[in-house]
């Protein structure tokens, strides 16, 4: 009985240590795209105010991230609306205008309160950023964009994502506002895990 209590106590201590560390450990760990780099995936949704408030910190972090870090934005898909926004993201990626429209897409949804859900609404938004209607619709309805959307639908469950924003470090650790106790601390915890993983390369 004492042995069982001791084991339970050790388990609780381990869980507490992980919580205090500001991250959760993924089991099993997921493969990364480039084993030579430390991979950081940001799961987000354009309609999420918490993702929007984290974005300035992410932009600043990207300016100073270590050279050995491979950063990947990953739209999360938990509903049809999330899927529409993810599809818009992949369309922008396919058209080579992602960096041009990413911040404005966030702003249009969060501040201008436009839904940007229908194909026509999205076509108008992209047109305002210099994309021809025909080019947008061809990309939006392409096999490649649909394939990426299907892949995105499977990504959340694969990484145990239950909410956004969430950062995945090297396929091993998940950092959220809840685990890190604050959004501001998410970046600090992420940097610590990057340093830890970099030592193993």
C-alpha atoms as a PDB file:
ATOM      1  CA  UNK A   1       0.000   0.000   0.000  1.00  0.00           C
ATOM      2  CA  UNK A   2       2.833   2.377   0.920  1.00  0.00           C
ATOM      3  CA  UNK A   3       4.529   1.518  -2.345  1.00  0.00           C
ATOM      4  CA  UNK A   4       1.375   2.454  -4.257  1.00  0.00           C
ATOM      5  CA  UNK A   5       1.157   5.756  -2.374  1.00  0.00           C
ATOM      6  CA  UNK A   6       4.800   6.469  -3.129  1.00  0.00           C
ATOM      7  CA  UNK A   7       4.286   5.780  -6.825  1.00  0.00           C
ATOM      8  CA  UNK A   8       1.182   7.961  -6.875  1.00  0.00           C
ATOM      9  CA  UNK A   9       3.091  10.717  -5.124  1.00  0.00           C
ATOM     10  CA  UNK A  10       5.879  10.496  -7.685  1.00  0.00           C
ATOM     11  CA  UNK A  11       3.332  10.689 -10.514  1.00  0.00           C
ATOM     12  CA  UNK A  12       1.717  13.779  -8.970  1.00  0.00           C
ATOM     13  CA  UNK A  13       5.103  15.400  -8.446  1.00  0.00           C
ATOM     14  CA  UNK A  14       6.028  14.769 -12.084  1.00  0.00           C
ATOM     15  CA  UNK A  15       2.751  16.241 -13.298  1.00  0.00           C
ATOM     16  CA  UNK A  16       3.269  19.274 -11.049  1.00  0.00           C
ATOM     17  CA  UNK A  17       6.810  19.748 -12.324  1.00  0.00           C
ATOM     18  CA  UNK A  18       5.557  19.736 -15.883  1.00  0.00           C
ATOM     19  CA  UNK A  19       2.841  22.256 -15.068  1.00  0.00           C
ATOM     20  CA  UNK A  20       5.352  24.533 -13.352  1.00  0.00           C
ATOM     21  CA  UNK A  21       7.612  24.200 -16.385  1.00  0.00           C
ATOM     22  CA  UNK A  22       4.878  25.803 -18.435  1.00  0.00           C
ATOM     23  CA  UNK A  23       4.343  23.017 -20.938  1.00  0.00           C
ATOM     24  CA  UNK A  24       2.779  19.623 -21.527  1.00  0.00           C
ATOM     25  CA  UNK A  25       4.699  16.652 -22.895  1.00  0.00           C
ATOM     26  CA  UNK A  26       3.237  14.994 -25.986  1.00  0.00           C
ATOM     27  CA  UNK A  27       2.961  11.216 -25.886  1.00  0.00           C
ATOM     28  CA  UNK A  28       3.923   9.901 -28.297  1.00  0.00           C
ATOM     29  CA  UNK A  29       6.231  12.567 -29.689  1.00  0.00           C
ATOM     30  CA  UNK A  30       5.445  13.523 -33.284  1.00  0.00           C
ATOM     31  CA  UNK A  31       7.936  13.495 -36.188  1.00  0.00           C
ATOM     32  CA  UNK A  32       9.263  16.839 -37.411  1.00  0.00           C
ATOM     33  CA  UNK A  33       9.663  17.952 -41.010  1.00  0.00           C
ATOM     34  CA  UNK A  34      13.387  18.707 -40.704  1.00  0.00           C
ATOM     35  CA  UNK A  35      15.325  16.770 -38.023  1.00  0.00           C
ATOM     36  CA  UNK A  36      18.245  19.199 -38.421  1.00  0.00           C
ATOM     37  CA  UNK A  37      16.110  22.040 -37.067  1.00  0.00           C
ATOM     38  CA  UNK A  38      14.107  22.686 -33.903  1.00  0.00           C
ATOM     39  CA  UNK A  39      10.535  22.838 -35.139  1.00  0.00           C
ATOM     40  CA  UNK A  40       7.995  25.273 -33.688  1.00  0.00           C
ATOM     41  CA  UNK A  41       4.377  24.980 -34.870  1.00  0.00           C
ATOM     42  CA  UNK A  42       1.839  27.670 -34.036  1.00  0.00           C
ATOM     43  CA  UNK A  43      -1.757  26.440 -34.050  1.00  0.00           C
ATOM     44  CA  UNK A  44      -4.136  29.376 -34.471  1.00  0.00           C
ATOM     45  CA  UNK A  45      -7.491  30.572 -35.786  1.00  0.00           C
ATOM     46  CA  UNK A  46      -8.105  33.981 -37.322  1.00  0.00           C
ATOM     47  CA  UNK A  47     -11.373  34.253 -35.403  1.00  0.00           C
ATOM     48  CA  UNK A  48      -9.675  33.728 -32.026  1.00  0.00           C
ATOM     49  CA  UNK A  49      -9.102  36.936 -30.032  1.00  0.00           C
ATOM     50  CA  UNK A  50      -6.410  35.224 -27.960  1.00  0.00           C
ATOM     51  CA  UNK A  51      -4.505  34.320 -31.138  1.00  0.00           C
ATOM     52  CA  UNK A  52      -4.857  37.911 -32.299  1.00  0.00           C
ATOM     53  CA  UNK A  53      -3.486  39.272 -29.016  1.00  0.00           C
ATOM     54  CA  UNK A  54      -0.528  36.858 -29.213  1.00  0.00           C
ATOM     55  CA  UNK A  55       0.291  37.830 -32.806  1.00  0.00           C
ATOM     56  CA  UNK A  56       2.408  40.948 -32.005  1.00  0.00           C
ATOM     57  CA  UNK A  57       4.574  38.856 -29.668  1.00  0.00           C
ATOM     58  CA  UNK A  58       4.940  36.183 -32.341  1.00  0.00           C
ATOM     59  CA  UNK A  59       5.927  38.808 -34.927  1.00  0.00           C
ATOM     60  CA  UNK A  60       8.624  40.165 -32.603  1.00  0.00           C
ATOM     61  CA  UNK A  61       9.803  36.658 -31.736  1.00  0.00           C
ATOM     62  CA  UNK A  62      10.151  35.761 -35.409  1.00  0.00           C
ATOM     63  CA  UNK A  63      12.560  38.667 -35.864  1.00  0.00           C
ATOM     64  CA  UNK A  64      14.935  37.249 -33.284  1.00  0.00           C
ATOM     65  CA  UNK A  65      14.294  33.479 -33.349  1.00  0.00           C
ATOM     66  CA  UNK A  66      17.411  31.309 -33.477  1.00  0.00           C
ATOM     67  CA  UNK A  67      18.628  30.373 -36.956  1.00  0.00           C
ATOM     68  CA  UNK A  68      18.160  26.675 -36.171  1.00  0.00           C
ATOM     69  CA  UNK A  69      14.418  27.088 -35.602  1.00  0.00           C
ATOM     70  CA  UNK A  70      11.944  26.038 -38.300  1.00  0.00           C
ATOM     71  CA  UNK A  71       8.691  27.962 -37.751  1.00  0.00           C
ATOM     72  CA  UNK A  72       5.395  26.673 -39.131  1.00  0.00           C
ATOM     73  CA  UNK A  73       2.022  28.374 -38.896  1.00  0.00           C
ATOM     74  CA  UNK A  74      -0.785  25.837 -38.720  1.00  0.00           C
ATOM     75  CA  UNK A  75      -4.438  26.860 -38.960  1.00  0.00           C
ATOM     76  CA  UNK A  76      -6.499  24.767 -36.568  1.00  0.00           C
ATOM     77  CA  UNK A  77      -9.786  23.346 -37.841  1.00  0.00           C
ATOM     78  CA  UNK A  78     -12.505  22.579 -35.293  1.00  0.00           C
ATOM     79  CA  UNK A  79     -15.592  23.666 -37.239  1.00  0.00           C
ATOM     80  CA  UNK A  80     -16.780  24.653 -40.694  1.00  0.00           C
ATOM     81  CA  UNK A  81     -15.998  28.326 -40.041  1.00  0.00           C
ATOM     82  CA  UNK A  82     -12.491  27.492 -38.871  1.00  0.00           C
ATOM     83  CA  UNK A  83     -12.139  25.423 -42.041  1.00  0.00           C
ATOM     84  CA  UNK A  84     -13.130  28.392 -44.241  1.00  0.00           C
ATOM     85  CA  UNK A  85     -10.442  30.541 -42.639  1.00  0.00           C
ATOM     86  CA  UNK A  86      -7.869  27.747 -42.907  1.00  0.00           C
ATOM     87  CA  UNK A  87      -8.732  27.390 -46.581  1.00  0.00           C
ATOM     88  CA  UNK A  88      -8.185  31.133 -47.039  1.00  0.00           C
ATOM     89  CA  UNK A  89      -4.774  30.751 -45.356  1.00  0.00           C
ATOM     90  CA  UNK A  90      -3.743  27.932 -47.685  1.00  0.00           C
ATOM     91  CA  UNK A  91      -5.052  29.881 -50.682  1.00  0.00           C
ATOM     92  CA  UNK A  92      -2.872  32.847 -49.719  1.00  0.00           C
ATOM     93  CA  UNK A  93       0.050  30.461 -49.321  1.00  0.00           C
ATOM     94  CA  UNK A  94      -0.566  28.957 -52.771  1.00  0.00           C
ATOM     95  CA  UNK A  95      -0.749  32.427 -54.329  1.00  0.00           C
ATOM     96  CA  UNK A  96       2.462  33.565 -52.637  1.00  0.00           C
ATOM     97  CA  UNK A  97       0.738  36.435 -50.789  1.00  0.00           C
ATOM     98  CA  UNK A  98       0.572  34.974 -47.282  1.00  0.00           C
ATOM     99  CA  UNK A  99       2.901  37.472 -45.621  1.00  0.00           C
ATOM    100  CA  UNK A 100       1.089  40.271 -47.421  1.00  0.00           C
ATOM    101  CA  UNK A 101      -2.396  39.336 -46.206  1.00  0.00           C
ATOM    102  CA  UNK A 102      -1.861  37.475 -42.906  1.00  0.00           C
ATOM    103  CA  UNK A 103      -1.941  40.485 -40.560  1.00  0.00           C
ATOM    104  CA  UNK A 104      -4.763  42.185 -42.490  1.00  0.00           C
ATOM    105  CA  UNK A 105      -6.859  39.009 -42.400  1.00  0.00           C
ATOM    106  CA  UNK A 106      -6.569  38.971 -38.612  1.00  0.00           C
ATOM    107  CA  UNK A 107      -7.384  42.686 -38.424  1.00  0.00           C
ATOM    108  CA  UNK A 108     -10.377  42.460 -40.768  1.00  0.00           C
ATOM    109  CA  UNK A 109     -11.977  39.705 -38.699  1.00  0.00           C
ATOM    110  CA  UNK A 110     -11.045  40.926 -35.236  1.00  0.00           C
ATOM    111  CA  UNK A 111     -11.399  44.712 -35.601  1.00  0.00           C
ATOM    112  CA  UNK A 112     -13.544  45.326 -38.662  1.00  0.00           C
ATOM    113  CA  UNK A 113     -15.817  42.454 -37.622  1.00  0.00           C
ATOM    114  CA  UNK A 114     -16.093  40.996 -41.124  1.00  0.00           C
ATOM    115  CA  UNK A 115     -16.698  37.251 -41.158  1.00  0.00           C
ATOM    116  CA  UNK A 116     -14.753  36.453 -44.350  1.00  0.00           C
ATOM    117  CA  UNK A 117     -16.402  33.065 -44.717  1.00  0.00           C
ATOM    118  CA  UNK A 118     -17.972  32.862 -48.191  1.00  0.00           C
ATOM    119  CA  UNK A 119     -15.951  32.487 -51.349  1.00  0.00           C
ATOM    120  CA  UNK A 120     -17.221  35.850 -52.608  1.00  0.00           C
ATOM    121  CA  UNK A 121     -16.261  37.620 -49.369  1.00  0.00           C
ATOM    122  CA  UNK A 122     -12.807  36.111 -49.574  1.00  0.00           C
ATOM    123  CA  UNK A 123     -12.469  36.949 -53.272  1.00  0.00           C
ATOM    124  CA  UNK A 124     -13.200  40.588 -52.456  1.00  0.00           C
ATOM    125  CA  UNK A 125     -10.666  40.597 -49.614  1.00  0.00           C
ATOM    126  CA  UNK A 126      -7.963  39.102 -51.839  1.00  0.00           C
ATOM    127  CA  UNK A 127      -8.830  41.553 -54.640  1.00  0.00           C
ATOM    128  CA  UNK A 128      -8.176  44.407 -52.202  1.00  0.00           C
ATOM    129  CA  UNK A 129      -4.687  42.954 -51.834  1.00  0.00           C
ATOM    130  CA  UNK A 130      -3.972  42.828 -55.545  1.00  0.00           C
ATOM    131  CA  UNK A 131      -5.092  39.279 -56.361  1.00  0.00           C
ATOM    132  CA  UNK A 132      -7.172  38.842 -59.491  1.00  0.00           C
ATOM    133  CA  UNK A 133     -10.573  37.243 -58.975  1.00  0.00           C
ATOM    134  CA  UNK A 134      -9.811  34.403 -61.369  1.00  0.00           C
ATOM    135  CA  UNK A 135      -6.458  33.665 -59.730  1.00  0.00           C
ATOM    136  CA  UNK A 136      -8.055  33.592 -56.296  1.00  0.00           C
ATOM    137  CA  UNK A 137     -10.881  31.256 -57.308  1.00  0.00           C
ATOM    138  CA  UNK A 138      -8.550  28.900 -59.173  1.00  0.00           C
ATOM    139  CA  UNK A 139      -6.324  28.574 -56.116  1.00  0.00           C
ATOM    140  CA  UNK A 140      -9.214  28.464 -53.630  1.00  0.00           C
ATOM    141  CA  UNK A 141     -10.846  25.562 -55.469  1.00  0.00           C
ATOM    142  CA  UNK A 142      -7.623  23.743 -56.299  1.00  0.00           C
ATOM    143  CA  UNK A 143      -6.799  20.165 -55.343  1.00  0.00           C
ATOM    144  CA  UNK A 144      -3.669  21.344 -53.492  1.00  0.00           C
ATOM    145  CA  UNK A 145      -5.589  23.698 -51.196  1.00  0.00           C
ATOM    146  CA  UNK A 146      -8.254  21.068 -50.511  1.00  0.00           C
ATOM    147  CA  UNK A 147      -5.536  18.526 -49.679  1.00  0.00           C
ATOM    148  CA  UNK A 148      -3.912  20.931 -47.210  1.00  0.00           C
ATOM    149  CA  UNK A 149      -7.274  21.598 -45.611  1.00  0.00           C
ATOM    150  CA  UNK A 150      -7.882  17.873 -45.112  1.00  0.00           C
ATOM    151  CA  UNK A 151      -4.425  17.557 -43.607  1.00  0.00           C
ATOM    152  CA  UNK A 152      -5.128  20.483 -41.262  1.00  0.00           C
ATOM    153  CA  UNK A 153      -8.299  18.785 -40.017  1.00  0.00           C
ATOM    154  CA  UNK A 154      -6.165  15.859 -38.834  1.00  0.00           C
ATOM    155  CA  UNK A 155      -3.396  17.948 -37.292  1.00  0.00           C
ATOM    156  CA  UNK A 156      -5.264  19.114 -34.184  1.00  0.00           C
ATOM    157  CA  UNK A 157      -6.060  15.623 -32.862  1.00  0.00           C
ATOM    158  CA  UNK A 158      -2.579  14.447 -33.769  1.00  0.00           C
ATOM    159  CA  UNK A 159      -0.990  17.027 -31.468  1.00  0.00           C
ATOM    160  CA  UNK A 160      -3.694  16.929 -28.806  1.00  0.00           C
ATOM    161  CA  UNK A 161      -4.845  20.441 -29.577  1.00  0.00           C
ATOM    162  CA  UNK A 162      -8.023  21.366 -27.700  1.00  0.00           C
ATOM    163  CA  UNK A 163      -7.757  25.148 -28.007  1.00  0.00           C
ATOM    164  CA  UNK A 164      -5.704  27.932 -29.540  1.00  0.00           C
ATOM    165  CA  UNK A 165      -3.242  29.532 -29.550  1.00  0.00           C
ATOM    166  CA  UNK A 166      -0.909  26.600 -28.933  1.00  0.00           C
ATOM    167  CA  UNK A 167       2.776  26.167 -29.714  1.00  0.00           C
ATOM    168  CA  UNK A 168       4.352  22.771 -30.400  1.00  0.00           C
ATOM    169  CA  UNK A 169       8.100  22.540 -29.874  1.00  0.00           C
ATOM    170  CA  UNK A 170       9.990  19.853 -31.783  1.00  0.00           C
ATOM    171  CA  UNK A 171       7.015  17.497 -31.797  1.00  0.00           C
ATOM    172  CA  UNK A 172       7.510  16.910 -28.061  1.00  0.00           C
ATOM    173  CA  UNK A 173       6.034  19.764 -26.067  1.00  0.00           C
ATOM    174  CA  UNK A 174       2.829  21.811 -26.136  1.00  0.00           C
ATOM    175  CA  UNK A 175       2.780  25.336 -24.737  1.00  0.00           C
ATOM    176  CA  UNK A 176      -0.518  27.150 -24.168  1.00  0.00           C
ATOM    177  CA  UNK A 177      -1.589  30.221 -22.256  1.00  0.00           C
ATOM    178  CA  UNK A 178      -2.991  27.901 -19.603  1.00  0.00           C
ATOM    179  CA  UNK A 179       0.140  25.770 -19.224  1.00  0.00           C
ATOM    180  CA  UNK A 180       2.439  28.812 -19.260  1.00  0.00           C
ATOM    181  CA  UNK A 181       0.061  30.750 -16.953  1.00  0.00           C
ATOM    182  CA  UNK A 182      -0.028  33.681 -19.393  1.00  0.00           C
ATOM    183  CA  UNK A 183       0.387  34.504 -23.055  1.00  0.00           C
ATOM    184  CA  UNK A 184       3.468  36.576 -22.287  1.00  0.00           C
ATOM    185  CA  UNK A 185       5.107  33.560 -20.668  1.00  0.00           C
ATOM    186  CA  UNK A 186       4.343  31.326 -23.684  1.00  0.00           C
ATOM    187  CA  UNK A 187       7.259  32.867 -25.575  1.00  0.00           C
ATOM    188  CA  UNK A 188       9.634  32.488 -22.608  1.00  0.00           C
ATOM    189  CA  UNK A 189       8.739  28.827 -22.118  1.00  0.00           C
ATOM    190  CA  UNK A 190       9.079  28.226 -25.860  1.00  0.00           C
ATOM    191  CA  UNK A 191      12.553  29.786 -25.888  1.00  0.00           C
ATOM    192  CA  UNK A 192      13.612  27.597 -22.963  1.00  0.00           C
ATOM    193  CA  UNK A 193      12.439  24.472 -24.754  1.00  0.00           C
ATOM    194  CA  UNK A 194      14.174  25.561 -27.964  1.00  0.00           C
ATOM    195  CA  UNK A 195      17.432  25.963 -26.037  1.00  0.00           C
ATOM    196  CA  UNK A 196      16.932  22.557 -24.445  1.00  0.00           C
ATOM    197  CA  UNK A 197      16.264  20.863 -27.795  1.00  0.00           C
ATOM    198  CA  UNK A 198      19.125  22.716 -29.510  1.00  0.00           C
ATOM    199  CA  UNK A 199      21.612  21.080 -27.143  1.00  0.00           C
ATOM    200  CA  UNK A 200      20.544  17.681 -28.473  1.00  0.00           C
ATOM    201  CA  UNK A 201      21.265  18.515 -32.125  1.00  0.00           C
END
